[in-house]
N, C-alpha and C. Protein backbone atom coordinates (compact mmCIF):
# COMPACT_ATOMS: atom_id res chain seq x y z
N MET A 1 -99.74 -19.97 90.25
CA MET A 1 -100.54 -18.95 88.97
C MET A 1 -100.34 -18.51 90.26
N ILE A 2 -100.48 -16.85 89.18
CA ILE A 2 -100.34 -15.47 89.66
C ILE A 2 -101.73 -15.10 88.61
N LEU A 3 -102.15 -14.31 89.50
CA LEU A 3 -103.58 -13.72 88.86
C LEU A 3 -103.49 -12.30 88.83
N ARG A 4 -103.36 -11.44 87.68
CA ARG A 4 -103.18 -9.90 87.68
C ARG A 4 -104.20 -9.04 87.39
N PRO A 5 -104.59 -8.07 87.95
CA PRO A 5 -105.95 -7.39 87.46
C PRO A 5 -106.28 -7.31 85.84
N ALA A 6 -107.33 -7.11 85.82
CA ALA A 6 -107.51 -7.11 84.32
C ALA A 6 -107.38 -5.86 83.74
N ARG A 7 -107.12 -4.74 84.89
CA ARG A 7 -106.64 -3.82 83.90
C ARG A 7 -105.40 -3.88 83.19
N ALA A 8 -104.41 -4.68 84.32
CA ALA A 8 -102.67 -4.83 83.44
C ALA A 8 -102.65 -5.63 82.77
N LEU A 9 -103.91 -6.61 82.33
CA LEU A 9 -103.60 -7.64 81.49
C LEU A 9 -104.65 -6.25 80.11
N ARG A 10 -105.38 -5.87 80.02
CA ARG A 10 -105.66 -4.49 79.07
C ARG A 10 -104.60 -4.14 78.72
N SER A 11 -103.98 -3.18 80.14
CA SER A 11 -102.72 -2.71 79.30
C SER A 11 -101.28 -3.31 78.25
N ASP A 12 -101.28 -4.76 78.87
CA ASP A 12 -100.32 -5.17 77.57
C ASP A 12 -100.82 -5.64 76.39
N VAL A 13 -101.88 -5.38 76.26
CA VAL A 13 -102.33 -5.63 74.96
C VAL A 13 -101.70 -5.11 73.82
N PRO A 14 -102.17 -3.75 74.03
CA PRO A 14 -101.38 -2.72 73.01
C PRO A 14 -99.80 -2.75 72.28
N ARG A 15 -99.30 -2.91 73.47
CA ARG A 15 -98.41 -3.10 74.26
C ARG A 15 -97.28 -4.23 73.26
N ALA A 16 -98.49 -5.90 73.70
CA ALA A 16 -97.60 -6.81 72.38
C ALA A 16 -97.45 -6.27 71.12
N ARG A 17 -99.05 -5.96 70.62
CA ARG A 17 -99.45 -5.37 69.00
C ARG A 17 -98.02 -4.99 69.11
N ALA A 18 -97.82 -3.85 69.21
CA ALA A 18 -96.39 -2.48 69.13
C ALA A 18 -95.30 -3.61 69.19
N ARG A 19 -94.66 -4.74 69.45
CA ARG A 19 -93.32 -5.23 69.13
C ARG A 19 -93.49 -5.73 68.34
N PRO A 20 -94.52 -5.92 66.60
CA PRO A 20 -93.71 -6.63 66.08
C PRO A 20 -93.51 -4.95 64.61
N ALA A 21 -93.76 -3.90 65.16
CA ALA A 21 -93.45 -2.88 64.59
C ALA A 21 -92.14 -2.28 65.18
N VAL A 22 -91.93 -2.26 66.10
CA VAL A 22 -90.58 -1.84 66.89
C VAL A 22 -89.51 -2.48 66.45
N TRP A 23 -89.56 -4.19 65.88
CA TRP A 23 -88.36 -4.97 65.38
C TRP A 23 -88.22 -4.88 64.18
N LEU A 24 -89.74 -4.62 63.50
CA LEU A 24 -89.46 -4.34 61.97
C LEU A 24 -88.90 -3.18 61.64
N GLY A 25 -88.68 -1.87 63.03
CA GLY A 25 -87.83 -0.61 62.39
C GLY A 25 -87.02 -1.01 62.57
N MET A 26 -86.56 -1.34 63.64
CA MET A 26 -84.72 -2.20 64.57
C MET A 26 -84.59 -2.51 62.95
N LEU A 27 -85.52 -3.86 62.12
CA LEU A 27 -84.33 -4.25 60.98
C LEU A 27 -83.92 -3.39 59.92
N VAL A 28 -84.91 -2.70 59.65
CA VAL A 28 -84.96 -1.14 58.42
C VAL A 28 -83.50 -0.16 58.68
N VAL A 29 -83.49 -0.25 60.41
CA VAL A 29 -82.32 0.65 60.43
C VAL A 29 -81.09 -0.01 60.30
N GLY A 30 -80.82 -1.10 60.63
CA GLY A 30 -79.40 -1.76 60.23
C GLY A 30 -79.48 -2.51 59.09
N ALA A 31 -80.31 -2.73 58.44
CA ALA A 31 -80.27 -3.48 57.50
C ALA A 31 -79.71 -1.68 56.13
N CYS A 32 -80.10 -0.77 56.74
CA CYS A 32 -79.72 0.70 55.67
C CYS A 32 -78.12 0.78 56.47
N TRP A 33 -77.28 0.83 58.02
CA TRP A 33 -76.50 0.78 58.61
C TRP A 33 -75.92 -0.58 57.37
N LEU A 34 -76.12 -1.41 57.14
CA LEU A 34 -75.08 -2.48 56.46
C LEU A 34 -75.22 -1.83 55.09
N ALA A 35 -76.04 -1.50 54.55
CA ALA A 35 -75.57 -1.20 53.40
C ALA A 35 -75.12 0.26 53.35
N GLY A 36 -74.38 0.58 54.20
CA GLY A 36 -73.60 2.17 54.36
C GLY A 36 -74.70 2.86 53.96
N ALA A 37 -75.47 3.35 54.38
CA ALA A 37 -76.33 4.54 54.60
C ALA A 37 -75.59 5.71 55.05
N PRO A 38 -75.98 7.23 55.00
CA PRO A 38 -74.95 7.80 55.36
C PRO A 38 -75.42 8.08 56.84
N ARG A 39 -74.21 8.54 57.67
CA ARG A 39 -74.22 8.45 59.16
C ARG A 39 -74.39 9.69 59.59
N GLY A 40 -74.19 11.18 58.81
CA GLY A 40 -73.77 12.34 59.78
C GLY A 40 -73.10 12.71 59.39
N ARG A 41 -71.80 11.76 59.13
CA ARG A 41 -70.42 12.86 58.72
C ARG A 41 -69.21 12.33 58.20
N THR A 42 -68.93 12.54 57.16
CA THR A 42 -67.87 12.04 56.11
C THR A 42 -66.68 11.16 56.51
N GLN A 43 -66.32 9.88 56.45
CA GLN A 43 -65.35 9.29 57.03
C GLN A 43 -64.44 10.16 56.55
N ALA A 44 -63.17 10.26 56.87
CA ALA A 44 -62.05 11.02 57.24
C ALA A 44 -61.07 10.62 55.27
N PRO A 45 -60.38 11.01 54.64
CA PRO A 45 -59.90 10.24 53.34
C PRO A 45 -58.30 9.81 54.24
N ALA A 46 -57.95 9.16 54.00
CA ALA A 46 -56.86 8.74 54.09
C ALA A 46 -55.44 9.45 54.19
N ILE A 47 -54.55 8.74 54.87
CA ILE A 47 -53.25 9.89 54.52
C ILE A 47 -52.29 9.53 53.40
N PRO A 48 -52.29 10.31 53.18
CA PRO A 48 -51.08 10.05 51.69
C PRO A 48 -49.66 9.35 51.91
N ALA A 49 -49.07 8.28 51.87
CA ALA A 49 -47.77 7.98 52.01
C ALA A 49 -46.57 9.07 52.28
N HIS A 50 -46.63 9.57 50.85
CA HIS A 50 -45.85 11.37 51.08
C HIS A 50 -46.58 12.41 52.24
N ASN A 51 -47.45 11.92 53.11
CA ASN A 51 -47.80 13.10 54.81
C ASN A 51 -48.00 12.31 55.84
N ARG A 52 -47.40 11.05 55.78
CA ARG A 52 -47.34 10.31 57.21
C ARG A 52 -46.16 10.64 57.90
N ALA A 53 -46.67 10.56 59.57
CA ALA A 53 -46.53 11.37 60.46
C ALA A 53 -45.54 10.24 60.99
N ASP A 54 -45.22 9.26 60.36
CA ASP A 54 -44.13 8.49 61.06
C ASP A 54 -43.00 8.13 59.60
N LEU A 55 -42.84 9.17 58.88
CA LEU A 55 -41.83 9.13 57.31
C LEU A 55 -40.37 9.46 58.71
N ALA A 56 -39.21 8.51 58.26
CA ALA A 56 -38.37 9.05 58.88
C ALA A 56 -37.42 9.84 58.39
N THR A 57 -37.53 10.42 57.12
CA THR A 57 -36.71 11.44 55.84
C THR A 57 -38.22 11.86 55.31
N PRO A 58 -37.51 12.73 54.39
CA PRO A 58 -38.66 13.48 53.50
C PRO A 58 -39.19 12.59 52.73
N PRO A 59 -40.07 12.80 51.76
CA PRO A 59 -40.09 12.25 50.43
C PRO A 59 -39.19 12.71 49.30
N PRO A 60 -39.55 12.67 47.87
CA PRO A 60 -38.87 13.64 46.92
C PRO A 60 -40.33 14.86 46.67
N LEU A 61 -39.21 15.57 46.70
CA LEU A 61 -40.47 17.35 46.08
C LEU A 61 -41.33 16.93 45.32
N PRO A 62 -42.54 17.16 45.20
CA PRO A 62 -43.03 16.92 44.14
C PRO A 62 -42.69 17.95 43.38
N GLY A 63 -43.25 16.78 42.07
CA GLY A 63 -42.84 18.58 40.37
C GLY A 63 -44.23 19.31 40.38
N PRO A 64 -43.97 20.30 39.44
CA PRO A 64 -44.98 21.68 39.15
C PRO A 64 -46.56 20.73 38.97
N GLY A 65 -46.95 19.14 38.60
CA GLY A 65 -48.20 19.00 38.29
C GLY A 65 -48.74 19.68 37.22
N GLN A 66 -50.18 19.85 38.09
CA GLN A 66 -50.99 20.72 37.24
C GLN A 66 -50.75 22.27 37.80
N VAL A 67 -49.93 23.04 38.52
CA VAL A 67 -49.95 23.85 38.96
C VAL A 67 -49.61 25.47 38.46
N ALA A 68 -49.35 25.05 37.20
CA ALA A 68 -49.57 25.89 35.20
C ALA A 68 -51.78 25.66 35.26
N VAL A 69 -51.74 24.86 35.12
CA VAL A 69 -53.00 25.08 34.61
C VAL A 69 -54.13 25.56 36.32
N HIS A 70 -53.63 25.49 37.48
CA HIS A 70 -54.68 26.21 37.98
C HIS A 70 -54.06 27.82 38.69
N ALA A 71 -52.76 28.44 38.26
CA ALA A 71 -52.16 29.29 38.01
C ALA A 71 -53.47 30.24 36.99
N ARG A 72 -53.68 29.32 35.97
CA ARG A 72 -53.93 30.02 35.40
C ARG A 72 -55.50 30.75 35.67
N ARG A 73 -56.12 29.20 35.74
CA ARG A 73 -57.35 29.69 36.48
C ARG A 73 -57.46 30.14 37.18
N LEU A 74 -56.59 30.44 38.39
CA LEU A 74 -56.55 31.59 39.69
C LEU A 74 -55.97 32.97 39.06
N LEU A 75 -55.69 33.74 37.62
CA LEU A 75 -55.83 34.72 37.33
C LEU A 75 -57.06 34.61 36.89
N GLU A 76 -57.43 34.53 36.05
CA GLU A 76 -59.14 34.24 35.74
C GLU A 76 -59.42 34.91 36.40
N ALA A 77 -60.23 33.72 37.85
CA ALA A 77 -60.89 34.22 38.93
C ALA A 77 -60.18 35.71 39.50
N ILE A 78 -59.55 35.93 39.26
CA ILE A 78 -59.36 37.12 39.95
C ILE A 78 -59.43 38.71 38.49
N VAL A 79 -59.57 37.39 37.56
CA VAL A 79 -59.78 38.77 36.59
C VAL A 79 -61.70 39.33 36.86
N ARG A 80 -62.40 37.67 36.70
CA ARG A 80 -63.46 37.95 36.65
C ARG A 80 -64.35 38.68 38.33
N ASP A 81 -63.17 38.45 38.89
CA ASP A 81 -63.76 38.45 40.90
C ASP A 81 -64.40 37.71 41.24
N ASP A 82 -64.14 36.40 40.87
CA ASP A 82 -65.24 34.93 41.24
C ASP A 82 -63.73 33.91 41.99
N PRO A 83 -64.07 34.25 43.73
CA PRO A 83 -63.33 33.38 44.01
C PRO A 83 -63.73 32.00 44.33
N GLY A 84 -65.09 31.41 43.84
CA GLY A 84 -65.73 30.05 43.70
C GLY A 84 -64.95 29.31 42.82
N ALA A 85 -64.50 30.23 41.71
CA ALA A 85 -64.37 29.03 39.93
C ALA A 85 -63.02 28.32 41.10
N VAL A 86 -62.27 28.95 41.94
CA VAL A 86 -61.11 27.93 42.83
C VAL A 86 -60.61 27.92 43.67
N ALA A 87 -61.61 27.63 44.15
CA ALA A 87 -62.25 26.75 45.82
C ALA A 87 -61.34 25.57 45.63
N ASP A 88 -60.88 24.69 44.72
CA ASP A 88 -60.39 23.57 44.80
C ASP A 88 -58.60 23.95 44.21
N VAL A 89 -58.07 24.72 44.06
CA VAL A 89 -56.92 25.15 44.28
C VAL A 89 -56.31 25.32 45.39
N PHE A 90 -57.00 25.84 46.80
CA PHE A 90 -56.72 25.82 48.41
C PHE A 90 -56.71 24.71 48.91
N LEU A 91 -55.87 24.16 49.64
CA LEU A 91 -55.88 23.21 50.15
C LEU A 91 -57.67 23.09 50.60
N PRO A 92 -57.60 21.37 50.34
CA PRO A 92 -59.16 20.84 50.78
C PRO A 92 -59.45 20.99 52.66
N ARG A 93 -60.17 21.21 53.01
CA ARG A 93 -61.07 20.94 54.80
C ARG A 93 -60.29 19.51 54.95
N GLU A 94 -60.91 18.63 53.73
CA GLU A 94 -60.53 17.17 55.40
C GLU A 94 -58.62 17.20 54.95
N ALA A 95 -58.20 17.61 54.75
CA ALA A 95 -56.65 17.74 54.05
C ALA A 95 -56.62 18.53 55.47
N PHE A 96 -56.60 19.87 55.33
CA PHE A 96 -56.38 20.77 57.14
C PHE A 96 -56.92 20.18 58.11
N ARG A 97 -57.83 19.62 58.57
CA ARG A 97 -58.08 18.93 59.36
C ARG A 97 -57.15 18.03 60.00
N LEU A 98 -56.71 17.16 58.96
CA LEU A 98 -55.84 16.25 59.35
C LEU A 98 -54.31 16.38 59.51
N VAL A 99 -54.18 17.79 58.59
CA VAL A 99 -52.34 18.03 59.20
C VAL A 99 -52.45 18.77 60.57
N GLN A 100 -53.31 19.45 60.87
CA GLN A 100 -53.24 20.97 62.06
C GLN A 100 -53.81 19.81 62.93
N GLY A 101 -52.68 20.59 64.24
CA GLY A 101 -52.82 19.70 65.28
C GLY A 101 -53.39 20.65 66.35
N VAL A 102 -54.40 21.70 65.90
CA VAL A 102 -54.99 21.71 66.82
C VAL A 102 -56.63 20.91 67.22
N THR A 103 -57.44 21.22 68.47
CA THR A 103 -58.47 20.71 68.60
C THR A 103 -59.55 20.66 67.27
N ASP A 104 -59.71 22.05 67.38
CA ASP A 104 -60.26 22.42 66.16
C ASP A 104 -60.87 23.12 65.57
N PRO A 105 -59.91 22.02 64.28
CA PRO A 105 -59.25 23.27 63.18
C PRO A 105 -60.52 23.66 62.28
N ASP A 106 -61.27 23.09 62.10
CA ASP A 106 -62.90 23.93 61.02
C ASP A 106 -62.44 26.00 61.50
N PRO A 107 -62.85 26.80 62.84
CA PRO A 107 -62.60 28.29 62.26
C PRO A 107 -61.06 28.85 61.75
N LEU A 108 -59.81 27.89 62.29
CA LEU A 108 -58.75 28.25 61.37
C LEU A 108 -58.98 27.91 59.74
N TYR A 109 -59.44 26.85 59.52
CA TYR A 109 -59.70 26.82 58.01
C TYR A 109 -60.75 28.08 57.28
N ASP A 110 -61.44 28.26 57.87
CA ASP A 110 -63.01 29.21 58.01
C ASP A 110 -62.06 30.44 57.92
N ARG A 111 -60.94 31.08 58.21
CA ARG A 111 -60.37 32.42 58.42
C ARG A 111 -59.08 31.80 57.55
N LEU A 112 -58.42 31.03 57.08
CA LEU A 112 -58.14 30.87 55.80
C LEU A 112 -58.93 31.13 55.10
N LEU A 113 -59.85 30.71 54.22
CA LEU A 113 -60.50 30.49 53.40
C LEU A 113 -60.78 31.88 52.84
N ARG A 114 -61.43 32.18 54.27
CA ARG A 114 -61.45 33.56 53.76
C ARG A 114 -60.90 34.91 53.55
N ALA A 115 -60.04 34.68 53.53
CA ALA A 115 -59.16 35.39 53.40
C ALA A 115 -57.89 34.95 51.85
N TYR A 116 -58.47 33.81 51.88
CA TYR A 116 -57.73 33.83 50.42
C TYR A 116 -58.51 34.40 48.88
N GLU A 117 -60.52 34.30 49.93
CA GLU A 117 -61.42 35.01 48.80
C GLU A 117 -61.03 36.40 49.05
N ARG A 118 -60.83 37.05 50.12
CA ARG A 118 -60.83 38.34 50.56
C ARG A 118 -59.46 39.08 48.82
N ASP A 119 -58.19 38.22 49.03
CA ASP A 119 -57.49 37.88 48.71
C ASP A 119 -57.74 38.18 47.29
N ILE A 120 -58.47 37.77 46.67
CA ILE A 120 -58.75 37.94 44.93
C ILE A 120 -59.49 38.78 44.81
N HIS A 121 -60.32 39.44 45.34
CA HIS A 121 -61.33 40.31 45.94
C HIS A 121 -60.92 40.96 45.30
N ALA A 122 -59.22 41.83 46.25
CA ALA A 122 -58.71 42.98 46.50
C ALA A 122 -57.56 42.52 44.82
N LEU A 123 -57.24 41.46 44.53
CA LEU A 123 -56.59 41.50 43.63
C LEU A 123 -57.38 41.87 42.10
N HIS A 124 -58.48 41.28 42.25
CA HIS A 124 -59.24 42.59 40.80
C HIS A 124 -58.78 43.53 40.88
N ALA A 125 -59.28 44.45 42.02
CA ALA A 125 -59.08 45.49 41.96
C ALA A 125 -57.34 46.30 41.15
N GLN A 126 -56.75 44.91 41.23
CA GLN A 126 -55.26 45.53 40.70
C GLN A 126 -55.47 44.98 39.46
N VAL A 127 -55.35 44.03 38.46
CA VAL A 127 -55.02 43.20 37.16
C VAL A 127 -56.31 43.74 36.53
N PRO A 128 -55.72 44.80 35.35
CA PRO A 128 -57.12 44.65 34.58
C PRO A 128 -57.42 43.58 33.48
N ALA A 129 -59.16 43.56 33.73
CA ALA A 129 -59.78 43.07 32.85
C ALA A 129 -58.12 41.82 31.02
N GLY A 130 -57.98 43.03 30.75
CA GLY A 130 -56.90 42.10 29.35
C GLY A 130 -56.22 41.37 29.90
N ALA A 131 -55.37 41.53 31.09
CA ALA A 131 -54.64 40.48 31.81
C ALA A 131 -54.57 38.67 31.09
N GLU A 132 -53.05 38.21 30.82
CA GLU A 132 -52.68 37.03 29.89
C GLU A 132 -51.91 36.97 31.01
N PHE A 133 -52.34 35.23 31.09
CA PHE A 133 -51.02 34.57 32.00
C PHE A 133 -50.02 34.25 31.08
N VAL A 134 -48.66 34.12 31.79
CA VAL A 134 -47.50 33.85 31.13
C VAL A 134 -47.05 32.45 30.69
N ARG A 135 -46.76 32.28 32.59
CA ARG A 135 -46.25 31.37 33.46
C ARG A 135 -46.26 31.14 35.02
N PHE A 136 -46.20 30.80 36.16
CA PHE A 136 -46.15 29.91 37.06
C PHE A 136 -44.95 30.04 37.37
N GLU A 137 -43.80 30.39 38.39
CA GLU A 137 -42.46 30.19 39.08
C GLU A 137 -42.76 29.77 40.49
N PHE A 138 -41.78 28.71 40.47
CA PHE A 138 -41.66 28.21 42.39
C PHE A 138 -40.47 28.81 42.56
N SER A 139 -40.86 29.48 42.85
CA SER A 139 -39.14 30.23 44.44
C SER A 139 -38.18 28.73 44.82
N ARG A 140 -37.12 29.59 45.51
CA ARG A 140 -36.12 28.14 45.72
C ARG A 140 -36.31 28.55 47.43
N ARG A 141 -37.49 28.93 47.76
CA ARG A 141 -38.15 28.72 49.71
C ARG A 141 -39.09 27.88 49.33
N ARG A 142 -38.40 27.29 50.24
CA ARG A 142 -38.71 25.88 49.77
C ARG A 142 -39.28 24.96 51.24
N GLY A 143 -39.53 24.02 51.76
CA GLY A 143 -38.81 23.03 52.47
C GLY A 143 -40.05 22.15 53.57
N TRP A 144 -39.29 20.98 53.93
CA TRP A 144 -40.17 20.03 54.63
C TRP A 144 -40.22 20.03 56.09
N VAL A 145 -41.99 20.15 55.80
CA VAL A 145 -41.99 20.98 57.43
C VAL A 145 -42.23 19.42 58.36
N GLN A 146 -42.14 19.73 59.61
CA GLN A 146 -41.96 17.94 60.03
C GLN A 146 -42.29 18.79 61.18
N VAL A 147 -43.01 16.67 61.56
CA VAL A 147 -44.31 17.66 62.24
C VAL A 147 -44.42 18.18 63.42
N ARG A 148 -45.09 19.24 64.29
CA ARG A 148 -45.43 20.51 65.29
C ARG A 148 -44.43 21.69 65.29
N GLU A 149 -44.14 21.15 63.20
CA GLU A 149 -42.97 22.50 63.66
C GLU A 149 -43.68 23.62 63.09
N GLU A 150 -45.57 23.25 62.85
CA GLU A 150 -45.96 24.59 62.18
C GLU A 150 -47.54 23.98 63.31
N ALA A 151 -47.36 24.15 64.32
CA ALA A 151 -48.83 22.82 65.05
C ALA A 151 -49.27 22.57 63.79
N ASN A 152 -48.44 21.96 63.43
CA ASN A 152 -48.41 20.54 62.41
C ASN A 152 -48.88 18.62 63.05
N ARG A 153 -49.84 17.96 62.86
CA ARG A 153 -49.87 16.96 63.06
C ARG A 153 -49.39 16.06 62.30
N LEU A 154 -48.87 16.53 61.01
CA LEU A 154 -48.26 15.67 59.72
C LEU A 154 -47.69 16.83 58.46
N PRO A 155 -46.92 15.37 58.68
CA PRO A 155 -45.43 16.65 57.50
C PRO A 155 -46.11 16.78 56.69
N TYR A 156 -45.31 18.35 55.82
CA TYR A 156 -45.63 18.63 54.75
C TYR A 156 -44.66 19.09 53.82
N TRP A 157 -44.33 19.21 52.78
CA TRP A 157 -43.65 20.12 51.17
C TRP A 157 -44.25 20.91 51.22
N ALA A 158 -43.64 22.40 51.64
CA ALA A 158 -44.01 24.09 51.55
C ALA A 158 -43.72 24.89 50.94
N GLN A 159 -44.05 25.34 49.90
CA GLN A 159 -43.05 26.16 48.45
C GLN A 159 -44.18 27.40 49.23
N ARG A 160 -42.77 28.62 49.46
CA ARG A 160 -43.36 29.82 49.23
C ARG A 160 -42.83 30.54 48.45
N HIS A 161 -43.33 32.13 48.51
CA HIS A 161 -43.03 33.22 47.72
C HIS A 161 -43.39 33.24 46.25
N SER A 162 -43.94 32.38 45.91
CA SER A 162 -44.00 31.36 44.24
C SER A 162 -44.82 32.73 43.86
N GLN A 163 -44.13 32.48 42.16
CA GLN A 163 -45.05 34.04 41.00
C GLN A 163 -46.07 33.20 40.39
N LEU A 164 -46.96 34.04 40.32
CA LEU A 164 -47.98 33.65 39.27
C LEU A 164 -47.18 34.90 38.19
N VAL A 165 -46.93 34.59 36.88
CA VAL A 165 -46.37 36.19 36.01
C VAL A 165 -47.91 36.24 34.47
N TYR A 166 -48.05 37.41 34.58
CA TYR A 166 -48.82 37.61 33.78
C TYR A 166 -48.70 38.68 33.05
N ARG A 167 -49.15 39.26 31.93
CA ARG A 167 -48.97 40.23 30.93
C ARG A 167 -50.19 40.70 31.06
N VAL A 168 -49.89 42.47 30.60
CA VAL A 168 -50.84 43.14 30.75
C VAL A 168 -49.97 44.41 29.68
N GLY A 169 -50.54 44.25 28.13
CA GLY A 169 -49.70 44.55 26.56
C GLY A 169 -48.12 43.77 26.35
N ALA A 170 -47.41 44.92 26.54
CA ALA A 170 -45.75 44.59 26.36
C ALA A 170 -45.57 44.00 27.93
N GLU A 171 -46.31 44.45 29.08
CA GLU A 171 -45.55 44.52 30.57
C GLU A 171 -45.86 43.35 31.31
N GLU A 172 -44.88 42.94 32.01
CA GLU A 172 -45.37 41.29 31.98
C GLU A 172 -44.78 41.76 34.12
N ARG A 173 -46.24 41.28 34.25
CA ARG A 173 -46.35 41.77 35.92
C ARG A 173 -46.41 40.31 37.22
N ARG A 174 -46.20 40.20 38.27
CA ARG A 174 -46.30 39.40 39.26
C ARG A 174 -47.59 39.39 40.25
N ILE A 175 -48.02 38.35 40.71
CA ILE A 175 -48.32 38.72 41.67
C ILE A 175 -48.31 36.93 42.51
N GLU A 176 -47.66 37.66 44.02
CA GLU A 176 -47.29 36.39 44.94
C GLU A 176 -48.00 35.53 45.16
N VAL A 177 -47.78 34.16 45.45
CA VAL A 177 -48.48 32.92 46.53
C VAL A 177 -47.63 32.67 47.21
N ARG A 178 -48.40 33.10 48.79
CA ARG A 178 -47.35 33.32 49.25
C ARG A 178 -47.19 31.46 50.06
N THR A 179 -47.97 31.26 50.43
CA THR A 179 -47.33 29.53 50.81
C THR A 179 -48.61 28.79 49.79
N MET A 180 -47.65 27.93 49.54
CA MET A 180 -48.27 26.87 49.12
C MET A 180 -48.56 24.88 49.72
N ILE A 181 -49.00 24.05 50.04
CA ILE A 181 -48.18 22.63 50.87
C ILE A 181 -48.44 21.56 49.69
N ALA A 182 -47.72 20.28 49.77
CA ALA A 182 -48.39 19.39 49.16
C ALA A 182 -49.38 18.44 49.69
N TRP A 183 -50.22 18.17 49.57
CA TRP A 183 -50.84 16.95 49.94
C TRP A 183 -50.53 15.88 49.26
N ASP A 184 -49.95 15.13 49.61
CA ASP A 184 -49.70 13.70 48.67
C ASP A 184 -48.84 14.20 47.65
N GLU A 185 -49.23 14.26 46.31
CA GLU A 185 -48.12 15.20 45.28
C GLU A 185 -48.49 15.87 44.76
N ARG A 186 -49.56 16.89 45.45
CA ARG A 186 -49.96 17.86 44.90
C ARG A 186 -50.42 19.50 45.46
N TRP A 187 -49.82 20.18 44.95
CA TRP A 187 -50.06 21.79 45.25
C TRP A 187 -50.76 22.36 46.07
N TYR A 188 -51.11 22.95 47.13
CA TYR A 188 -52.39 23.46 47.14
C TYR A 188 -52.07 25.18 47.55
N ILE A 189 -52.97 26.62 47.38
CA ILE A 189 -52.54 27.37 47.78
C ILE A 189 -53.05 27.42 49.90
N THR A 190 -52.55 27.94 50.80
CA THR A 190 -53.32 28.26 52.27
C THR A 190 -52.77 29.36 51.81
N HIS A 191 -52.40 29.80 51.57
CA HIS A 191 -52.04 31.58 51.87
C HIS A 191 -51.78 32.24 50.33
N LEU A 192 -52.36 33.20 49.74
CA LEU A 192 -52.21 34.03 49.01
C LEU A 192 -51.49 35.01 49.29
N SER A 193 -51.75 35.51 50.41
CA SER A 193 -51.09 36.85 50.78
C SER A 193 -50.65 36.81 52.31
N GLU A 194 -49.66 37.78 53.16
CA GLU A 194 -49.20 37.34 54.34
C GLU A 194 -50.62 36.89 54.77
N PHE A 195 -50.58 36.26 56.18
CA PHE A 195 -51.83 35.73 56.80
C PHE A 195 -51.56 35.89 58.22
N HIS A 196 -52.73 36.90 58.76
CA HIS A 196 -52.10 37.96 59.76
C HIS A 196 -53.29 37.10 61.02
């Protein structure tokens, strides 16, 4: 039998009392983790079947879907000078992170988003308040962008130089939508004008 000094025995007492609290804390943390409590970072979205890196051939070109609805909203946002109203028309950040083949895609995404917002502000100065939406025209300039073709790690359909047509009085005018890409089967804007 080994005898300890009295001082050591006294210092063990508070530690022994603290142990149940530590275990209780660990149980609470574990329960939160199992229940799916937020852990600081959101899970990346699933890669759509139309954008898988292992596709041997391009999937069918997506149809227009809701593009005319989004184009009408874009024109309204330009007239009101409100880029935030059409933030959902721009490619989502999580999709961009998956598509781009760079180590940290967020700074590039932020630059693209700022350019999109600047373009809407610039167009606001050119488009009269009474502008009326007429239609959206896809151009014939489209193509399947393969992996690594544009520093991308996932493929996608790209649509370039399409036109938002609007009317001022009896006159039809146009706004070029420089680049759109299809994430799954939905078209998103990545550039309203030429990006530098």
